[in-house]
């Protein structure tokens, strides 16, 4: 019986350095996307290709103690989540980081992700929405940076948020100044959320300022998906429904308008609608809205994660939301 021995020679970083005539650290910078002159980079890549060298991701992670991966955590998918994911992925990629997406169905799902984070399978976490209390999630902040775009008060979880109180108040002031004091309806998010509380505070302030104001028509929906349709059905079945509606997102406003159109009502002739967040839905359907500068909120969150991981100073970009007047209101 014949026995064959196969000798396999594994190429390492030193072989590439010798072949290219450069130092080991130069080869390392090439494959970690550090600065290297173009001519030198070409020599290193050519040598690596000739030697069939493949950089070891595992070795690099063990050396750097980083996976260069950010966890993106949401409860479910709806269009606004897609917008957030697009921004997170874009900003992270520019810094050399990847994004892994998780959709949680329970608190246990979320805890499994947090435990992976504790074991350094992820470098940072971006929360779109949480299932466990923030006080529980804060316990994991010692393992790395955790951020959210939600408005929370925490010394351990960074939140790049805007105050919805003055913005919502500005919407109502605009409506009353343009159309006179009248009945206004509100499609709102979960009443336990801080942004909803800020909007209710704004409504109360307007009620105090304008005694004849009527803001009692209020609907609450914890999730965006289906909220516009449900609100439209409530509206259509209410003979005393208001003629102006403010929705907590452009997506909800767009869904609300679409369902009214299906029943023969026209915006702004029969009813006026104001959105919130200046998403693509608002732009495509020409919905009056507030530009919340969501891209800058996400940019601050991602930069906070990476600044912490790379031990660099974090510089927060100032955010200046603005009211955008379009055809629906």
Protein backbone atom coordinates (compact mmCIF):
# COMPACT_ATOMS: atom_id res chain seq x y z
CA UNK A 1 0.00 0.00 0.00
CA UNK A 2 1.43 3.33 -1.02
CA UNK A 3 1.27 6.31 1.31
CA UNK A 4 1.46 9.84 0.00
CA UNK A 5 2.45 12.77 2.14
CA UNK A 6 1.14 16.15 1.15
CA UNK A 7 3.17 19.08 2.37
CA UNK A 8 1.22 22.26 2.77
CA UNK A 9 3.14 25.49 3.21
CA UNK A 10 1.12 28.25 4.79
CA UNK A 11 2.15 31.72 3.72
CA UNK A 12 2.40 34.25 6.51
CA UNK A 13 2.81 37.99 6.77
CA UNK A 14 6.62 37.70 6.99
CA UNK A 15 6.74 35.91 3.62
CA UNK A 16 4.71 38.71 2.02
CA UNK A 17 6.96 41.36 3.58
CA UNK A 18 10.10 39.65 2.23
CA UNK A 19 8.57 39.21 -1.22
CA UNK A 20 7.47 42.86 -1.40
CA UNK A 21 10.66 44.19 0.17
CA UNK A 22 8.82 46.01 2.95
CA UNK A 23 8.43 45.66 6.71
CA UNK A 24 5.90 43.42 8.45
CA UNK A 25 4.14 46.51 9.86
CA UNK A 26 3.68 47.89 6.33
CA UNK A 27 1.96 44.68 5.23
CA UNK A 28 -0.20 44.84 8.35
CA UNK A 29 -1.26 48.41 7.55
CA UNK A 30 -2.22 47.43 4.01
CA UNK A 31 -4.60 44.72 5.21
CA UNK A 32 -6.00 46.74 8.10
CA UNK A 33 -6.78 49.67 5.76
CA UNK A 34 -4.18 51.94 7.33
CA UNK A 35 -2.28 54.61 5.41
CA UNK A 36 0.28 53.25 2.91
CA UNK A 37 1.61 54.93 -0.24
CA UNK A 38 -0.17 53.71 -3.37
CA UNK A 39 2.99 52.30 -4.96
CA UNK A 40 3.86 50.37 -1.80
CA UNK A 41 0.30 49.12 -1.43
CA UNK A 42 0.39 47.75 -4.98
CA UNK A 43 3.68 45.92 -4.29
CA UNK A 44 2.27 44.32 -1.15
CA UNK A 45 -0.97 43.22 -2.82
CA UNK A 46 0.96 41.82 -5.82
CA UNK A 47 3.25 39.84 -3.49
CA UNK A 48 0.26 38.57 -1.49
CA UNK A 49 -1.48 37.42 -4.67
CA UNK A 50 1.63 35.61 -5.93
CA UNK A 51 2.04 33.82 -2.60
CA UNK A 52 -1.71 33.11 -2.23
CA UNK A 53 -1.63 34.90 1.10
CA UNK A 54 -4.97 35.38 2.89
CA UNK A 55 -4.92 37.59 6.02
CA UNK A 56 -6.29 35.87 9.08
CA UNK A 57 -9.37 37.70 10.35
CA UNK A 58 -9.36 35.61 13.52
CA UNK A 59 -5.72 36.43 14.23
CA UNK A 60 -6.36 40.12 13.72
CA UNK A 61 -9.38 40.04 16.04
CA UNK A 62 -7.40 38.24 18.74
CA UNK A 63 -4.59 40.75 18.44
CA UNK A 64 -6.79 43.84 18.38
CA UNK A 65 -9.44 42.44 20.75
CA UNK A 66 -12.03 43.74 18.26
CA UNK A 67 -14.45 42.20 15.80
CA UNK A 68 -15.02 45.58 14.11
CA UNK A 69 -18.72 44.72 14.16
CA UNK A 70 -21.65 46.74 15.51
CA UNK A 71 -24.90 45.02 16.48
CA UNK A 72 -28.08 46.68 15.15
CA UNK A 73 -31.05 45.67 17.32
CA UNK A 74 -34.72 46.18 16.42
CA UNK A 75 -38.01 44.53 17.34
CA UNK A 76 -39.32 44.22 13.79
CA UNK A 77 -38.86 45.66 10.33
CA UNK A 78 -40.77 48.67 9.09
CA UNK A 79 -39.61 51.42 6.70
CA UNK A 80 -38.11 53.70 9.37
CA UNK A 81 -35.96 50.80 10.57
CA UNK A 82 -34.66 50.44 7.02
CA UNK A 83 -33.75 54.13 6.98
CA UNK A 84 -31.89 53.80 10.29
CA UNK A 85 -30.09 50.67 9.11
CA UNK A 86 -29.01 52.41 5.93
CA UNK A 87 -27.51 55.29 7.91
CA UNK A 88 -25.82 53.04 10.49
CA UNK A 89 -24.31 50.80 7.81
CA UNK A 90 -23.12 53.78 5.78
CA UNK A 91 -21.39 55.56 8.65
CA UNK A 92 -19.92 52.36 10.10
CA UNK A 93 -18.56 51.21 6.74
CA UNK A 94 -16.76 54.51 6.25
CA UNK A 95 -14.91 53.83 9.51
CA UNK A 96 -14.06 50.24 8.59
CA UNK A 97 -16.79 48.57 10.68
CA UNK A 98 -19.46 46.02 9.77
CA UNK A 99 -23.06 45.83 11.00
CA UNK A 100 -24.92 42.69 12.09
CA UNK A 101 -28.72 43.00 12.22
CA UNK A 102 -30.88 41.40 14.92
CA UNK A 103 -34.67 41.35 15.19
CA UNK A 104 -35.76 40.32 18.67
CA UNK A 105 -39.03 38.55 19.46
CA UNK A 106 -38.62 38.42 23.22
CA UNK A 107 -36.56 39.63 26.15
CA UNK A 108 -34.61 36.36 26.00
CA UNK A 109 -33.65 37.04 22.39
CA UNK A 110 -32.28 40.40 23.43
CA UNK A 111 -30.40 38.92 26.39
CA UNK A 112 -28.69 36.42 24.08
CA UNK A 113 -27.40 39.31 21.98
CA UNK A 114 -26.24 41.15 25.10
CA UNK A 115 -24.40 38.02 26.25
CA UNK A 116 -22.64 37.79 22.88
CA UNK A 117 -21.67 41.42 23.38
CA UNK A 118 -20.34 40.56 26.85
CA UNK A 119 -18.20 37.84 25.24
CA UNK A 120 -16.83 40.43 22.75
CA UNK A 121 -18.51 38.87 19.72
CA UNK A 122 -19.70 42.43 19.01
CA UNK A 123 -17.83 45.68 19.63
CA UNK A 124 -20.83 47.97 20.12
CA UNK A 125 -24.63 47.98 20.09
CA UNK A 126 -27.10 50.29 18.35
CA UNK A 127 -30.62 49.92 19.74
CA UNK A 128 -33.53 50.92 17.53
CA UNK A 129 -35.90 49.54 20.17
CA UNK A 130 -35.43 47.59 23.38
CA UNK A 131 -37.41 44.79 25.03
CA UNK A 132 -35.67 44.76 28.40
CA UNK A 133 -35.65 47.83 30.63
CA UNK A 134 -32.84 50.28 30.02
CA UNK A 135 -31.72 49.76 33.61
CA UNK A 136 -31.05 46.11 32.71
CA UNK A 137 -29.28 46.96 29.44
CA UNK A 138 -27.08 49.48 31.26
CA UNK A 139 -25.40 46.60 33.12
CA UNK A 140 -23.73 45.59 29.85
CA UNK A 141 -22.24 49.02 29.14
CA UNK A 142 -19.03 48.01 30.95
CA UNK A 143 -18.32 45.58 28.08
CA UNK A 144 -18.42 48.28 25.40
CA UNK A 145 -20.35 51.26 24.02
CA UNK A 146 -24.15 51.02 23.72
CA UNK A 147 -26.19 53.70 21.93
CA UNK A 148 -29.76 54.41 20.88
CA UNK A 149 -31.65 57.02 18.92
CA UNK A 150 -34.40 56.83 21.55
CA UNK A 151 -34.74 59.61 24.06
CA UNK A 152 -33.54 58.18 27.36
CA UNK A 153 -31.86 59.49 30.48
CA UNK A 154 -28.78 57.39 31.12
CA UNK A 155 -25.18 57.90 32.13
CA UNK A 156 -24.22 54.55 30.59
CA UNK A 157 -26.16 54.33 27.32
CA UNK A 158 -25.53 57.19 24.90
CA UNK A 159 -28.59 58.69 23.23
CA UNK A 160 -28.39 61.11 20.32
CA UNK A 161 -31.91 62.50 20.45
CA UNK A 162 -33.77 65.71 19.79
CA UNK A 163 -36.37 67.29 22.06
CA UNK A 164 -39.77 66.83 20.44
CA UNK A 165 -41.49 69.33 22.76
CA UNK A 166 -40.51 72.58 20.96
CA UNK A 167 -40.90 70.93 17.54
CA UNK A 168 -44.42 69.67 18.17
CA UNK A 169 -45.34 73.01 19.68
CA UNK A 170 -43.99 74.71 16.54
CA UNK A 171 -46.22 72.51 14.35
CA UNK A 172 -49.34 73.48 16.33
CA UNK A 173 -48.38 77.17 16.34
CA UNK A 174 -47.96 77.00 12.56
CA UNK A 175 -51.38 75.34 12.15
CA UNK A 176 -53.19 77.82 14.39
CA UNK A 177 -51.50 80.84 12.81
CA UNK A 178 -52.33 79.65 9.28
CA UNK A 179 -55.80 78.16 9.73
CA UNK A 180 -57.02 79.70 12.96
CA UNK A 181 -57.67 77.96 16.25
CA UNK A 182 -59.69 74.83 15.62
CA UNK A 183 -59.94 71.13 16.32
CA UNK A 184 -56.70 69.23 15.67
CA UNK A 185 -56.29 65.45 15.86
CA UNK A 186 -53.14 63.59 16.88
CA UNK A 187 -51.84 60.16 15.89
CA UNK A 188 -49.28 59.44 18.60
CA UNK A 189 -46.80 56.72 19.52
CA UNK A 190 -46.64 54.72 22.77
CA UNK A 191 -47.70 57.08 25.62
CA UNK A 192 -44.94 55.64 27.85
CA UNK A 193 -42.22 56.81 25.43
CA UNK A 194 -40.40 60.05 26.26
CA UNK A 195 -40.98 61.55 22.80
CA UNK A 196 -44.74 60.99 23.15
CA UNK A 197 -44.65 62.56 26.60
CA UNK A 198 -42.88 65.58 25.08
CA UNK A 199 -45.60 65.90 22.43
CA UNK A 200 -48.37 65.64 25.00
CA UNK A 201 -46.59 68.35 26.99
CA UNK A 202 -46.59 70.54 23.87
CA UNK A 203 -50.31 69.92 23.34
CA UNK A 204 -50.97 70.95 26.95
CA UNK A 205 -48.93 74.13 26.49
CA UNK A 206 -50.92 75.02 23.38
CA UNK A 207 -54.20 74.34 25.20
CA UNK A 208 -53.11 76.77 27.91
CA UNK A 209 -52.18 79.41 25.35
CA UNK A 210 -55.29 78.99 23.20
CA UNK A 211 -58.36 78.40 25.41
CA UNK A 212 -60.51 77.65 22.34
CA UNK A 213 -58.15 74.95 21.08
CA UNK A 214 -59.46 71.39 20.88
CA UNK A 215 -56.74 68.69 20.90
CA UNK A 216 -58.78 65.92 22.50
CA UNK A 217 -58.83 63.63 19.42
CA UNK A 218 -55.80 61.48 20.25
CA UNK A 219 -54.91 57.97 19.09
CA UNK A 220 -51.94 55.97 20.39
CA UNK A 221 -50.09 53.20 18.52
CA UNK A 222 -46.90 51.56 19.87
CA UNK A 223 -45.71 50.49 16.39
CA UNK A 224 -45.68 52.40 13.09
CA UNK A 225 -46.79 49.46 10.97
CA UNK A 226 -50.56 49.62 10.47
CA UNK A 227 -50.97 52.74 12.62
CA UNK A 228 -51.98 54.96 9.70
CA UNK A 229 -54.58 52.49 8.46
CA UNK A 230 -56.09 52.01 11.92
CA UNK A 231 -56.20 55.76 12.50
CA UNK A 232 -57.87 56.29 9.11
CA UNK A 233 -60.59 53.79 10.00
CA UNK A 234 -61.19 55.59 13.31
CA UNK A 235 -61.31 58.88 11.46
CA UNK A 236 -63.76 57.66 8.82
CA UNK A 237 -66.10 56.25 11.46
CA UNK A 238 -66.16 59.50 13.45
CA UNK A 239 -68.51 62.17 12.11
CA UNK A 240 -66.99 64.74 14.43
CA UNK A 241 -63.38 63.99 13.47
CA UNK A 242 -60.98 66.96 13.16
CA UNK A 243 -60.08 68.45 9.79
CA UNK A 244 -56.37 68.67 10.61
CA UNK A 245 -54.30 65.66 11.70
CA UNK A 246 -50.72 65.55 13.00
CA UNK A 247 -49.02 62.13 12.78
CA UNK A 248 -45.92 61.09 14.69
CA UNK A 249 -44.05 60.01 11.54
CA UNK A 250 -44.22 60.57 7.80
CA UNK A 251 -44.77 56.85 7.26
CA UNK A 252 -47.87 56.89 9.48
CA UNK A 253 -49.05 60.11 7.79
CA UNK A 254 -48.56 58.54 4.34
CA UNK A 255 -50.49 55.41 5.27
CA UNK A 256 -53.27 57.56 6.76
CA UNK A 257 -53.50 59.67 3.59
CA UNK A 258 -53.51 56.60 1.30
CA UNK A 259 -56.42 55.07 3.18
CA UNK A 260 -58.39 58.33 3.00
CA UNK A 261 -57.73 58.56 -0.74
CA UNK A 262 -59.15 55.06 -1.15
CA UNK A 263 -62.39 56.33 0.38
CA UNK A 264 -62.57 59.36 -1.89
CA UNK A 265 -61.23 61.99 0.53
CA UNK A 266 -58.56 64.38 -0.72
CA UNK A 267 -55.67 66.07 1.06
CA UNK A 268 -55.51 69.00 1.68
CA UNK A 269 -58.99 69.85 0.30
CA UNK A 270 -61.03 67.63 2.65
CA UNK A 271 -58.48 67.18 5.40
CA UNK A 272 -55.01 68.51 6.16
CA UNK A 273 -52.19 66.27 7.41
CA UNK A 274 -48.86 67.07 9.04
CA UNK A 275 -46.12 64.44 9.43
CA UNK A 276 -42.88 64.20 11.35
CA UNK A 277 -39.26 63.18 10.52
CA UNK A 278 -38.88 64.18 6.82
CA UNK A 279 -38.48 60.62 5.55
CA UNK A 280 -38.68 59.58 1.89
CA UNK A 281 -42.41 58.98 2.40
CA UNK A 282 -42.83 62.64 3.27
CA UNK A 283 -40.77 63.74 0.29
CA UNK A 284 -42.52 61.48 -2.24
CA UNK A 285 -46.03 62.37 -1.02
CA UNK A 286 -45.22 66.04 -0.44
CA UNK A 287 -46.18 65.87 3.25
CA UNK A 288 -45.58 68.86 5.51
CA UNK A 289 -43.20 67.69 8.20
CA UNK A 290 -40.32 68.35 10.59
CA UNK A 291 -36.80 67.52 9.43
CA UNK A 292 -35.38 65.80 12.50
CA UNK A 293 -31.94 65.37 10.87
CA UNK A 294 -32.08 61.63 11.50
CA UNK A 295 -28.83 61.13 9.61
CA UNK A 296 -26.98 63.34 12.10
CA UNK A 297 -28.58 61.59 15.06
CA UNK A 298 -27.32 58.25 13.74
CA UNK A 299 -23.93 59.70 12.81
CA UNK A 300 -23.44 60.88 16.39
CA UNK A 301 -24.40 57.45 17.71
CA UNK A 302 -22.00 55.59 15.40
CA UNK A 303 -19.19 58.06 16.02
CA UNK A 304 -19.70 57.66 19.76
CA UNK A 305 -19.26 53.88 19.45
CA UNK A 306 -16.14 54.11 17.30
CA UNK A 307 -14.56 56.94 19.31
CA UNK A 308 -14.90 54.83 22.44
CA UNK A 309 -13.51 51.71 20.77
CA UNK A 310 -10.54 53.54 19.30
CA UNK A 311 -10.01 55.69 22.41
CA UNK A 312 -10.41 58.95 20.53
CA UNK A 313 -12.17 62.15 21.50
CA UNK A 314 -15.87 62.16 20.60
CA UNK A 315 -17.17 65.25 18.85
CA UNK A 316 -20.94 65.61 18.72
CA UNK A 317 -22.41 67.31 15.67
CA UNK A 318 -24.99 69.95 16.47
CA UNK A 319 -28.48 69.15 15.22
CA UNK A 320 -30.89 71.88 14.08
CA UNK A 321 -34.34 70.48 13.14
CA UNK A 322 -36.61 72.61 10.93
CA UNK A 323 -40.22 72.79 9.90
CA UNK A 324 -40.86 71.97 6.23
CA UNK A 325 -44.06 73.29 4.65
CA UNK A 326 -45.44 71.21 1.80
CA UNK A 327 -48.82 70.70 0.15
CA UNK A 328 -50.65 68.53 2.72
CA UNK A 329 -50.99 71.21 5.38
